[in-house]
Structure formats: C-alpha cells, structure tokens
Protein backbone atom coordinates (compact mmCIF):
# COMPACT_ATOMS: atom_id res chain seq x y z
CA MET A 1 34.80 -38.07 9.00
CA ARG A 2 32.98 -36.99 12.06
CA LYS A 3 31.92 -38.71 14.45
CA LYS A 4 28.56 -39.57 14.58
CA SER A 5 26.09 -38.47 17.84
CA LYS A 6 24.10 -40.08 20.00
CA GLY A 7 24.24 -37.31 22.94
CA ILE A 8 21.00 -36.52 22.32
CA LEU A 9 19.19 -39.82 22.50
CA ARG A 10 21.35 -40.50 25.62
CA ASN A 11 20.75 -37.37 27.43
CA THR A 12 16.86 -37.00 27.14
CA ARG A 13 16.63 -40.53 27.72
CA ALA A 14 18.98 -40.09 31.23
CA TYR A 15 16.30 -36.57 31.15
CA THR A 16 12.86 -38.53 30.80
CA HIS A 17 13.49 -40.71 33.60
CA THR A 18 14.38 -37.96 36.32
CA HIS A 19 10.82 -37.08 35.68
CA LYS A 20 9.35 -40.61 35.77
CA HIS A 21 7.92 -39.82 39.21
CA MET A 22 5.68 -37.43 37.61
CA ALA A 23 3.98 -40.29 36.48
CA THR A 24 1.05 -41.90 37.46
CA ALA A 25 0.26 -45.59 36.87
CA ALA A 26 -2.37 -44.74 34.85
CA VAL A 27 -0.02 -42.68 32.57
CA THR A 28 3.21 -44.24 30.61
CA ASP A 29 5.79 -41.89 29.13
CA ASP A 30 4.85 -43.31 25.62
CA PHE A 31 0.41 -42.77 26.48
CA ARG A 32 -0.81 -40.15 23.26
CA LEU A 33 -4.24 -38.77 24.45
CA PRO A 34 -6.25 -37.68 21.69
CA SER A 35 -5.73 -34.03 19.73
CA VAL A 36 -8.36 -31.50 20.10
CA ASN A 37 -9.50 -30.56 16.44
CA TYR A 38 -8.71 -27.11 16.15
CA THR A 39 -10.41 -24.94 13.77
CA ALA A 40 -9.34 -24.16 10.51
CA SER A 41 -8.34 -20.79 9.79
CA ILE A 42 -10.29 -18.49 8.33
CA TRP A 43 -8.64 -16.71 6.40
CA ASP A 44 -6.71 -18.55 3.90
CA ASP A 45 -5.93 -16.83 0.77
CA THR A 46 -7.42 -13.81 2.33
CA PHE A 47 -4.29 -11.47 1.43
CA THR A 48 -2.26 -13.98 -0.44
CA SER A 49 -3.51 -12.24 -3.96
CA PHE A 50 -3.06 -8.24 -1.89
CA SER A 51 -1.42 -6.05 -4.31
CA LEU A 52 0.03 -2.88 -3.16
CA ASP A 53 -0.39 0.21 -5.76
CA ASP A 54 2.95 2.04 -4.64
CA ARG A 55 0.80 5.12 -6.84
CA VAL A 56 -1.52 5.36 -3.71
CA GLN A 57 0.72 5.15 -1.41
CA GLU A 58 2.59 7.88 -2.72
CA LYS A 59 -0.58 9.78 -3.08
CA TYR A 60 -1.35 8.97 0.86
CA VAL A 61 2.96 10.72 1.87
CA GLU A 62 2.37 13.53 0.02
CA ALA A 63 -1.15 14.40 1.71
CA ILE A 64 0.20 13.45 5.17
CA GLN A 65 3.37 15.21 4.53
CA ALA A 66 1.27 18.52 3.81
CA LEU A 67 -1.07 17.92 6.99
CA LYS A 68 2.16 16.88 9.78
CA GLU A 69 3.31 20.78 8.37
CA GLU A 70 -0.50 22.21 9.25
CA VAL A 71 0.26 20.52 12.59
CA VAL A 72 3.73 21.13 13.42
CA SER A 73 2.73 24.91 13.59
CA MET A 74 -0.47 23.95 15.07
CA LEU A 75 1.39 22.61 17.99
CA ILE A 76 4.38 25.87 17.71
CA GLN A 77 1.54 28.01 18.38
CA GLU A 78 -0.67 25.74 20.95
CA GLY A 79 2.43 26.02 23.49
CA LYS A 80 2.59 29.51 23.30
CA THR A 81 -0.96 30.44 23.70
CA ALA A 82 -3.04 27.71 24.62
CA SER A 83 -4.54 26.58 28.46
CA ILE A 84 -2.56 23.49 29.49
CA HIS A 85 -6.06 22.59 29.69
CA GLU A 86 -5.60 22.78 26.12
CA LYS A 87 -2.81 21.48 25.21
CA LEU A 88 -3.22 18.26 27.23
CA VAL A 89 -6.22 17.37 25.50
CA LEU A 90 -4.45 18.24 22.59
CA ILE A 91 -2.06 15.80 23.06
CA ASP A 92 -4.11 13.11 23.91
CA THR A 93 -6.51 13.54 20.58
CA LEU A 94 -3.09 13.18 18.54
CA GLU A 95 -2.38 10.04 20.31
CA ARG A 96 -6.20 8.70 20.14
CA LEU A 97 -6.26 9.71 16.63
CA GLY A 98 -3.08 7.28 16.36
CA VAL A 99 -0.43 9.94 15.18
CA SER A 100 1.10 11.02 17.81
CA TYR A 101 4.70 9.20 16.50
CA HIS A 102 4.84 12.05 13.93
CA PHE A 103 4.95 14.87 16.34
CA HIS A 104 7.23 13.13 19.07
CA ARG A 105 9.31 16.12 19.35
CA GLU A 106 6.79 18.37 19.22
CA ILE A 107 4.42 16.23 22.08
CA GLU A 108 7.58 15.98 24.14
CA ASN A 109 8.36 19.83 24.54
CA LEU A 110 4.48 20.07 25.35
CA LEU A 111 4.86 18.00 28.27
CA HIS A 112 7.77 19.78 29.61
CA GLN A 113 5.67 22.65 29.66
CA ILE A 114 2.67 21.22 31.18
CA GLN A 115 5.07 19.09 33.68
CA ASP A 116 5.43 20.71 37.28
CA TYR A 117 1.39 22.94 36.34
CA TYR A 118 -0.86 20.33 35.56
CA TYR A 119 -2.33 18.93 39.53
CA ASN A 120 -2.97 22.57 39.97
CA HIS A 121 -6.33 22.14 38.16
CA ASP A 122 -9.58 20.45 37.98
CA LEU A 123 -10.63 16.65 38.35
CA PHE A 124 -10.15 15.98 34.64
CA THR A 125 -7.69 17.80 33.52
CA THR A 126 -5.05 16.87 36.88
CA ALA A 127 -6.01 12.68 35.81
CA LEU A 128 -4.99 13.66 32.19
CA GLY A 129 -1.97 15.02 32.76
CA PHE A 130 -1.05 12.31 34.53
CA ARG A 131 -1.92 9.50 32.87
CA LEU A 132 0.07 11.36 29.99
CA LEU A 133 2.63 11.72 31.25
CA ARG A 134 2.57 8.37 33.34
CA GLN A 135 2.02 6.58 29.59
CA HIS A 136 5.61 9.26 28.26
CA ARG A 137 7.93 7.51 30.99
CA GLN A 138 7.77 11.37 32.79
CA LEU A 139 8.21 11.51 36.57
CA ALA A 140 4.16 11.69 38.31
CA SER A 141 3.22 11.53 40.91
CA SER A 142 -0.13 9.62 42.59
CA SER A 143 0.02 12.33 45.66
CA VAL A 144 -1.47 15.16 43.06
CA PHE A 145 -5.28 13.01 43.55
CA ASP A 146 -5.03 14.45 47.04
CA LYS A 147 -7.05 16.94 47.27
CA PHE A 148 -9.88 15.25 45.84
CA LYS A 149 -10.06 13.22 49.43
CA GLY A 150 -12.03 14.34 51.75
CA GLU A 151 -11.59 14.16 55.65
CA ASP A 152 -12.23 11.04 55.64
CA ASN A 153 -9.66 10.01 53.17
CA LYS A 154 -11.71 8.87 50.59
CA PHE A 155 -12.68 10.52 47.08
CA LYS A 156 -15.01 13.74 48.07
CA GLU A 157 -18.70 13.21 47.11
CA THR A 158 -19.01 15.77 44.98
CA LEU A 159 -16.90 14.22 42.42
CA LYS A 160 -19.87 11.56 41.15
CA SER A 161 -21.93 13.69 39.19
CA ASP A 162 -18.53 14.80 37.39
CA ALA A 163 -18.96 12.34 34.46
CA LYS A 164 -15.74 14.15 32.48
CA GLY A 165 -13.67 13.94 35.53
CA LEU A 166 -14.38 10.76 36.92
CA LEU A 167 -13.76 8.77 32.83
CA SER A 168 -10.55 10.19 33.43
CA LEU A 169 -9.77 9.67 36.28
CA TYR A 170 -10.76 5.76 35.64
CA GLU A 171 -8.29 5.33 32.80
CA ALA A 172 -4.83 7.58 34.92
CA ALA A 173 -5.62 4.40 37.49
CA HIS A 174 -5.40 2.07 34.85
CA LEU A 175 -1.56 3.28 35.27
CA ARG A 176 -0.93 2.40 38.51
CA ILE A 177 1.85 0.95 39.67
CA ARG A 178 1.75 -1.74 42.83
CA GLY A 179 1.52 -0.42 46.21
CA GLU A 180 -0.26 2.82 45.23
CA GLU A 181 -3.57 2.78 46.84
CA ILE A 182 -4.94 6.23 45.66
CA LEU A 183 -5.27 4.68 42.75
CA GLU A 184 -6.68 1.84 44.21
CA GLU A 185 -9.73 3.03 45.28
CA ALA A 186 -9.44 6.14 42.57
CA ALA A 187 -9.94 3.07 40.36
CA ALA A 188 -12.77 1.35 42.26
CA PHE A 189 -14.56 4.43 43.37
CA ALA A 190 -14.88 5.79 39.23
CA THR A 191 -15.95 2.90 37.81
CA TYR A 192 -18.98 2.80 41.11
CA HIS A 193 -20.06 6.18 40.00
CA LEU A 194 -19.50 5.24 36.27
CA ASN A 195 -21.82 2.51 36.44
CA LEU A 196 -24.10 4.08 37.75
CA MET A 197 -24.31 6.98 35.46
CA LEU A 198 -25.22 4.59 32.43
CA ASP A 199 -28.77 3.63 35.10
CA ASP A 200 -31.14 4.47 33.43
CA ASP A 201 -31.94 6.90 36.74
CA ASP A 202 -29.07 8.73 36.70
CA GLN A 203 -28.45 9.32 32.66
CA GLN A 204 -29.25 12.68 32.87
CA LEU A 205 -25.79 13.04 34.03
CA LEU A 206 -24.87 12.13 30.97
CA LEU A 207 -26.90 15.08 29.15
CA GLU A 208 -24.24 17.41 29.38
CA PHE A 209 -22.28 15.81 27.10
CA PRO A 210 -23.42 13.36 24.60
CA LEU A 211 -21.00 11.83 23.31
CA LEU A 212 -20.10 10.93 26.85
CA GLU A 213 -21.93 7.36 27.51
CA GLU A 214 -20.67 6.32 24.44
CA GLN A 215 -17.14 7.04 26.51
CA VAL A 216 -17.65 5.54 29.55
CA LYS A 217 -19.46 2.15 28.16
CA ARG A 218 -16.13 1.15 26.04
CA ALA A 219 -13.62 2.82 28.80
CA LEU A 220 -15.64 -0.13 30.72
CA GLN A 221 -15.46 -3.08 28.89
CA ASN A 222 -12.06 -2.00 27.08
CA PRO A 223 -9.66 0.70 29.40
CA LEU A 224 -7.40 2.46 27.21
CA HIS A 225 -4.42 1.23 29.14
CA ARG A 226 -4.76 -2.38 27.47
CA GLY A 227 -6.47 -1.86 24.50
CA VAL A 228 -4.82 -2.89 21.20
CA PRO A 229 -3.55 0.60 19.92
CA ARG A 230 -5.09 0.12 15.63
CA ILE A 231 -8.31 -1.13 16.93
CA GLU A 232 -8.94 2.14 20.05
CA THR A 233 -7.95 4.82 16.75
CA ARG A 234 -10.12 2.90 14.94
CA HIS A 235 -12.97 3.31 17.33
CA PHE A 236 -11.97 7.13 18.42
CA ILE A 237 -11.86 8.14 14.87
CA SER A 238 -15.68 6.94 14.25
CA PHE A 239 -16.10 9.01 17.67
CA TYR A 240 -14.21 11.65 16.66
CA GLU A 241 -16.08 12.47 13.92
CA LYS A 242 -19.03 13.01 16.00
CA ASP A 243 -17.87 15.28 17.98
CA GLU A 244 -18.91 18.98 17.00
CA SER A 245 -16.09 21.01 18.70
CA ARG A 246 -13.08 18.49 16.71
CA SER A 247 -10.32 19.95 14.03
CA GLU A 248 -11.09 18.72 10.84
CA LEU A 249 -7.08 19.02 10.21
CA LEU A 250 -6.65 16.23 13.20
CA LEU A 251 -9.29 14.89 11.98
CA ARG A 252 -8.30 14.28 7.79
CA LEU A 253 -4.34 13.16 9.10
CA ALA A 254 -6.12 10.47 10.59
CA LYS A 255 -7.83 9.21 8.45
CA LEU A 256 -5.31 9.27 5.82
CA ASP A 257 -3.09 8.10 7.92
CA PHE A 258 -5.12 5.48 8.87
CA ASN A 259 -5.56 3.97 5.23
CA TYR A 260 -1.75 4.31 4.39
CA LEU A 261 -0.93 1.40 7.20
CA GLN A 262 -3.86 -0.22 7.12
CA ASN A 263 -2.24 -0.82 3.41
CA ILE A 264 1.35 -1.79 4.47
CA TYR A 265 -0.47 -3.64 6.78
CA LYS A 266 -2.53 -5.79 3.98
CA LYS A 267 1.17 -5.33 1.84
CA GLU A 268 2.94 -7.62 5.12
CA LEU A 269 -0.06 -10.11 6.18
CA SER A 270 0.32 -10.99 1.61
CA GLN A 271 4.04 -11.42 2.29
CA LEU A 272 3.62 -13.66 5.65
CA SER A 273 0.52 -15.89 4.03
CA ARG A 274 2.79 -16.63 1.49
CA TRP A 275 6.02 -17.52 3.39
CA TRP A 276 3.36 -19.80 5.36
CA ASN A 277 1.51 -21.17 2.10
CA GLU A 278 5.36 -22.13 1.04
CA LEU A 279 6.47 -23.68 3.89
CA ASN A 280 3.28 -26.34 3.75
CA LEU A 281 3.69 -26.98 7.50
CA MET A 282 0.00 -27.67 8.22
CA PRO A 283 -0.30 -31.13 6.27
CA LYS A 284 2.21 -32.29 8.24
CA LEU A 285 1.34 -30.88 11.51
CA PRO A 286 -2.33 -31.77 11.35
CA TYR A 287 -2.80 -31.07 15.38
CA ALA A 288 -1.51 -27.69 15.19
CA ARG A 289 -3.04 -24.69 14.37
CA SER A 290 -2.42 -22.32 11.91
CA ARG A 291 -2.13 -19.04 13.27
CA VAL A 292 -0.57 -16.13 10.92
CA VAL A 293 -2.91 -13.95 10.76
CA GLU A 294 -3.69 -13.95 14.30
CA SER A 295 -0.20 -13.65 15.67
CA TYR A 296 0.29 -10.70 12.94
CA ILE A 297 -1.88 -8.31 14.65
CA TRP A 298 -0.68 -9.48 18.12
CA ALA A 299 2.38 -7.82 16.75
CA THR A 300 0.47 -4.72 15.39
CA ALA A 301 0.04 -4.13 19.27
CA PHE A 302 3.31 -3.68 19.98
CA CYS A 303 4.53 -2.10 16.98
CA PHE A 304 2.48 -0.47 14.61
CA GLU A 305 4.30 2.28 13.08
CA PRO A 306 5.44 1.99 9.31
CA GLN A 307 9.11 2.43 10.38
CA TYR A 308 8.77 -1.18 12.47
CA SER A 309 7.55 -3.18 9.41
CA ASP A 310 10.16 -5.90 9.55
CA ALA A 311 9.66 -5.58 13.75
CA ARG A 312 5.98 -7.11 13.29
CA LEU A 313 6.90 -9.45 10.70
CA ALA A 314 9.99 -11.53 12.92
CA ALA A 315 7.15 -10.76 15.27
CA ALA A 316 4.33 -13.09 13.61
CA LYS A 317 7.04 -15.53 12.61
CA THR A 318 8.26 -16.32 16.56
CA LEU A 319 4.06 -16.48 17.18
CA GLN A 320 3.29 -18.82 14.76
CA MET A 321 5.96 -20.97 15.39
CA LEU A 322 5.51 -20.56 19.96
CA THR A 323 2.01 -22.12 18.61
CA LEU A 324 3.20 -25.00 17.01
CA ILE A 325 5.44 -25.95 19.76
CA ASP A 326 2.40 -24.91 22.47
CA ASP A 327 0.54 -27.41 20.88
CA THR A 328 3.38 -30.39 19.97
CA TYR A 329 3.43 -30.29 23.35
CA ASP A 330 -0.22 -29.57 24.45
CA ASN A 331 -1.82 -31.31 21.94
CA TYR A 332 0.10 -34.32 20.47
CA SER A 333 3.69 -35.33 21.82
CA THR A 334 3.65 -37.88 24.42
CA ILE A 335 5.65 -37.37 27.10
CA GLU A 336 9.18 -39.35 26.20
CA GLU A 337 8.37 -36.87 22.70
CA ALA A 338 8.34 -34.36 25.14
CA ASP A 339 11.83 -34.24 26.71
CA LEU A 340 13.50 -35.03 23.75
CA PHE A 341 11.34 -32.02 21.95
CA THR A 342 12.75 -29.78 24.91
CA HIS A 343 16.15 -31.02 24.92
CA ILE A 344 16.68 -31.12 21.41
CA ILE A 345 15.27 -26.65 20.85
CA GLN A 346 18.09 -26.03 24.65
CA ARG A 347 20.87 -28.30 22.66
CA TRP A 348 20.65 -26.59 19.67
CA ASN A 349 22.32 -28.35 17.48
CA ILE A 350 21.19 -29.60 14.05
CA ASP A 351 23.64 -31.59 13.32
CA GLU A 352 21.97 -33.98 15.20
CA ILE A 353 19.08 -34.48 14.34
CA GLU A 354 20.25 -35.35 10.86
CA ASP A 355 22.60 -37.88 13.21
CA ASP A 356 19.28 -39.40 15.13
CA ASP A 357 17.38 -38.51 12.08
CA ASP A 358 15.78 -42.61 11.97
CA LYS A 359 15.00 -42.51 15.85
CA ILE A 360 13.52 -38.55 16.59
CA PRO A 361 9.73 -38.88 15.76
CA ASP A 362 8.68 -36.82 11.95
CA HIS A 363 6.86 -34.35 14.05
CA ILE A 364 9.65 -32.75 16.61
CA LYS A 365 11.99 -33.11 13.19
CA ILE A 366 9.84 -30.92 11.77
CA ILE A 367 9.60 -28.25 14.65
CA CYS A 368 13.14 -28.08 15.03
CA VAL A 369 14.48 -27.66 11.77
CA PHE A 370 11.55 -24.43 11.35
CA THR A 371 12.58 -23.31 14.39
CA PHE A 372 16.56 -23.25 13.55
CA SER A 373 15.47 -22.39 10.02
CA MET A 374 13.84 -19.63 10.88
CA TYR A 375 16.28 -18.56 13.70
CA GLU A 376 19.43 -18.28 10.91
CA ASP A 377 17.52 -16.43 8.83
CA TYR A 378 16.94 -13.62 11.59
CA ASP A 379 20.79 -14.08 12.48
CA ARG A 380 20.78 -13.39 8.45
CA GLU A 381 19.07 -10.08 8.82
CA ALA A 382 20.44 -9.18 12.70
CA ALA A 383 24.17 -9.40 10.81
CA LYS A 384 23.53 -7.26 7.64
CA ARG A 385 21.51 -4.63 9.81
CA GLY A 386 25.07 -4.29 11.90
CA LYS A 387 23.17 -6.46 14.70
CA SER A 388 25.11 -9.62 15.51
CA PHE A 389 24.46 -8.88 19.37
CA ALA A 390 20.91 -9.71 19.11
CA ALA A 391 20.37 -12.92 17.64
CA PRO A 392 21.77 -15.09 20.60
CA TYR A 393 19.65 -13.25 22.94
CA ALA A 394 16.55 -14.81 21.19
CA LYS A 395 18.00 -18.00 20.24
CA GLU A 396 17.99 -18.03 24.49
CA SER A 397 14.43 -16.62 25.13
CA VAL A 398 13.14 -20.02 23.46
CA ARG A 399 15.94 -22.55 24.62
CA ASN A 400 14.67 -20.70 28.37
CA ASN A 401 11.27 -20.59 27.14
CA ASN A 402 8.25 -21.51 29.81
CA TYR A 403 6.94 -24.25 27.78
CA LEU A 404 10.60 -25.68 27.14
CA GLY A 405 10.77 -26.09 31.31
CA LEU A 406 7.90 -27.81 31.45
CA VAL A 407 6.68 -31.98 31.02
CA TRP A 408 3.68 -32.71 29.43
CA LEU A 409 1.72 -34.91 32.31
CA PRO A 410 -1.45 -35.55 31.27
CA ILE A 411 -3.75 -36.13 33.97
C-alpha cells in the first residue's frame, strides 16, 4: 500500500512562509483580485469542420515538383553565367517568395560562389550579399561597409539618393550584433533618408522605381528580419506579381506552394481545434484565455515548412498551455495558490496531486493534470521517434520557466 504523501502542502507552506515579507499589510496570501474578463476567441469552430481533399494536394505536389525541376535547372545555369548581382537577387527572390526551402543545396552553392566577391560592388549588392550570408549563418564582416564612408567617417552624402541601395542597407543593418557600431550608424542613416524620400518634396527620388515606394513603406514599418515568414511571403507575392521584371516560373511556383501550405495549415488547425474542444477546459477555467489559433500562428513563425507539422502542433499546444499558466498566476490565483502551483510544477509528480486532492484548488489540479498529461504524450511521441533524450529537457524548460520563479503580488 502506497504511503500517502503530504509533501506538496508541507513544503509549499514553508516556501510561502519565506515569501511573507513580500506581502504588504493590505494584501494577504488569500487575497484575490477580480479577474480580467478576456475577449472570447474570435475563431470558435472556424477550423473544426475543415476537410482536406487529398486529391487537390496531390495535384499541387505534382505541379510543384515539375516547377521545382525547372527552377533547379535555372539555378544551375545562373551559377555558371550570372553576375554576382543577379545571383544575389535570385536568391533573395526565392527566399522572399517563400520557396527557398526547396533549394537549400543550390542556394548554398551560389552563396559559396559569391562569398569572397560580393563586397566589391555597389551599396545595393554589397548590403544584399551581407544580409543573405548572415541569414545563412555564414561569415560576413560589417567592415564591408567601410568603403561607403567618407573622410569624416560618416556615410557619404552621395548615397542619400540611392533608394534601392538605402533600402538594402536598411534591411542588412537589422542583422547586426552587439558592438557593430557601423551597422548602428547604417540603420540610422538609411532610416533617416528613406523617410525623407517618402516626404512630398522628395517623392521624385522614388519615381525611377514605381514599386519601390511600397517596399520602403513596408520595410520601415516591418523590417524583413523581424517579420513572420508566411506573412512576409504573402506580401511579397502581391508585390512581385506587379514587377515587370518578374519570373513567371518563380511566381507560379510561389503561388502553388503557398496554397499547398495553406491547406496543410488548415488541416493542422482543424486537428488542433478538435483537440482543444474535446478537452473542454474553458468552462472550468473561465478566467483564462483560449488562444489556440494565435498560438499556432506563432508556431508557424519559426517552422513553416511542411515537414515540421508535428513541431508546429506541439509548439501550439505548449503555447496554449503557457497561456493558461500565465493567466492562472496573473489573473486568478492568490499568493498562496501561486506558491502551491509553483511547487507542484517543480516537483512534477501527478501522484502527489491525487494524494492531496481535497486540499488543492480545482483550477490548480486541472492545470497541473493537463500539463503533466500533455508532456506524457510528448514522451511517448519522442520515444516512438527514437528521441527520448529530448523529453527531460522539455519538462525542465517548463519547471524552470520564469513564471515559476515569481510570486504574483497584487499592489
């Protein structure tokens, strides 16, 4: 017969006692502020009924594969005959159209060809080469921009009318690291003069490139490096189809690939929405936010490619879990409950929840059981993939999360 454990409550009381000094006379450990009434999810059952026609996806795959073969031939030919400027523009176009993941090897080969020569060119080409190399984690020194400075150690005034060059410099400067003063200066210089170009008196500087104004406005609001890849791709496709110098081959591939991925995302959102609805947690946790769709969008921000479906679903579930934990701390729990919650998560023992069942608040039991069960699913999935070593790190990231090291204190 298993000995009944009272470890959670005993240790939690001790933990709470050590934090008593944090409370004011006006706030006690059992004080509960009124909960914020969060806006309900706007999505409801938007995705639960989605049904994906596999035949449609198969047609997309066939069409995409045929176009990919043509693009590979193009990349090989460009590698032999194109200038460094043309190679860089092609790579950048593939990346902004969201299809570069199909051509990793070919792009790496092109970057290898230009790595030692890209900086012997104008501002646009030099900045573009610098940005692409850094995006691909290859060596690129910020000293390549020294030549664009004058004797006064400031960027040359002649650059202020180079709209394309300034935009390229602006985007490149966002890949700076701590201590790169020249890129700090570049960002300020480019931002200032790009904003001047958008003023009425200086609009003529953009007339040479009719589509450039649209790009400049978007870049100043949302630098490429800080953007969500799929959203940036959607914007760039709309821009690119208006570009007279566009490649119809690349545009066709980008549109097909975008629609193909959208169907995958809808299917995953359908799976995720059904999972969330079946849990039926929100009636039991009315103080918390239901943000499954928003969590999924965040997940696509760092792994949008089709092969990362499981990673997106796991990330979205984890983000929704963290939302519940956040709201439990910030929007409902008393200090004593927050201490108890922290201690249970750090001990990570579901048996102890059952042992002290009658003394643990319902909302804490629900959150803890949900969290532990979700990570048990992760354990099983990792084991099936031969990656059991990863599971303990995932648990540890939750146990040591900043949420768990802070005691919520109303003031």
